Amino acid sequence: MSSEIAIRVSNLSKCYQIYDRPHHRLMQSIFRRKKYFRDFWALRDVSLEVKRGEVLGIIGRNGAGKSTLLQAICGTATPTSGDVTVSGRVAALLELGAGFNPDFTGRENAFLNAAILGMTRDEIAARFDDIVAFAELDEFIDEPVKTYSSGMFMRLAFAVAIHVSPEILIIDEALSVGDVAFRNKCLERLQVLVGQGVTILFVTHDISTLQLLCSRVVWLEHGQIRGIGDPIRVSQDYYADALGQKSAEVPVASILVQQETGKAVFTDTHIVGGVDQEFAPGQTLEIAFSLLAKQDLGPVVFNISIYRSDGDWVVGQTSRDIGKYWKPVKAGETLSGSVRLFPLSLAPGEYRVAVGACSADYTLCYALTDLTMRFAVRAPYPTWGKFIHPCEWIDNDG
């Protein structure tokens, strides 16, 4: 394998035997000529290469084969056919709690996990304080991990993984557990690792993180590669395809949740104008906001998300789209402003709004509101679709 290639997957397939009843497994071992199971192909003929220092995102619906692919790369799942070649020390965060003994303390598990990843006891001891500090588990490090929450599990596992000097780091949905503040901390460290040339495989349903962190994205569907390439193009293709599913299955109030980041907080957000927050297409929708910094912040980008009442995300825009940044601020200072949508082009319906603030490169979330602001759009004429786009009708015969 070329020295530039960290991971090579060649024609990888993985088939599981699914038994509908527990006793069928016993019967299969006795009566081998009869088939008591059905085949489930988690992966079919998957091939890809990951270069050293590359950040490869993997996206797909539940059951698409994402976790199976990572397990095959880590060596915890044996391929039915095909080959996987890995060059470099691998640290993996797979299913929550994997590799941890629930009866051991956090300290014992940290030493055990790091030893499994190839570190000596002296090396682990030298980095142990840094691991605990990063995980923010000083008070609980000597408690059995069976008493840990899912977020505490993730903190410890992530802290160990990034402190064992991995050449390849594999993350399976780990950052979906925990609060925004710790997620920011993890993303900052991942950027450092990327700068050091570490190869990262990253599975997540968070499309924005994929587009920002990854150099390429793989879209898996039914165990096969549906798309691979530019993270923005592939992520947006995946999102557009996902809209074909019933978005109302996701409660709108659960899409965005107000969380404490420790960096900033919105002190005011409100909709300006309208009659009882009702607007007509073509009017101006203005949303005002004020942000209080809790820490010193660099240039700030504000963003807006508008969801239809059935949960469909219809608008997602940032001030950076037009090159607008707010000045750096010190802790205790306030930034304020507004965003105007004109002419309002949303089709009639009920909508909810969330406002966010982030770093200039989009990586860190400074503050995020929930979807409490509401407005409605009404038109005096029949409409179709999601938008009423400004247009001009031309009669070539008139």
Foldseek 3Di string as FASTA:
>chain_A
DDPFWFKWWFQFKAKDWAAPDPCLVVVCVVPVVDDRTDIAILAGGATDTFTFLFEEEEEEDPSLNPLVVVCVQVVNGPTPDTDMDGDWQEQEDHPQPPQADQQFFLQVSLQSSLVVSPDDSVLCVVCVVVLCVLLVCVVRRRPRCVPPDSSSSLSNSLSSRLSSPTLEYEYAASLVDDFQQSSLVSLVSVVVVSVVRRYYYHYDNPLVCQLQPGQKYFYGGSNYTPDIGRSVVVSVVVVVVVVVDQQLVDQQQPPDDWGDNQFKEKPDKAWDDDDVQEAEQQCKTKIKTKMATQAWAAWKKKWKWKAFNSNHTDDTDIPVVVPDTHHTDGHGDMDIDMDMDGRFWFDWGKMFMKMWMAHPSRSHTRTIHTRPYIHTYDYPDDDDDTTRDDDDDDDPVD
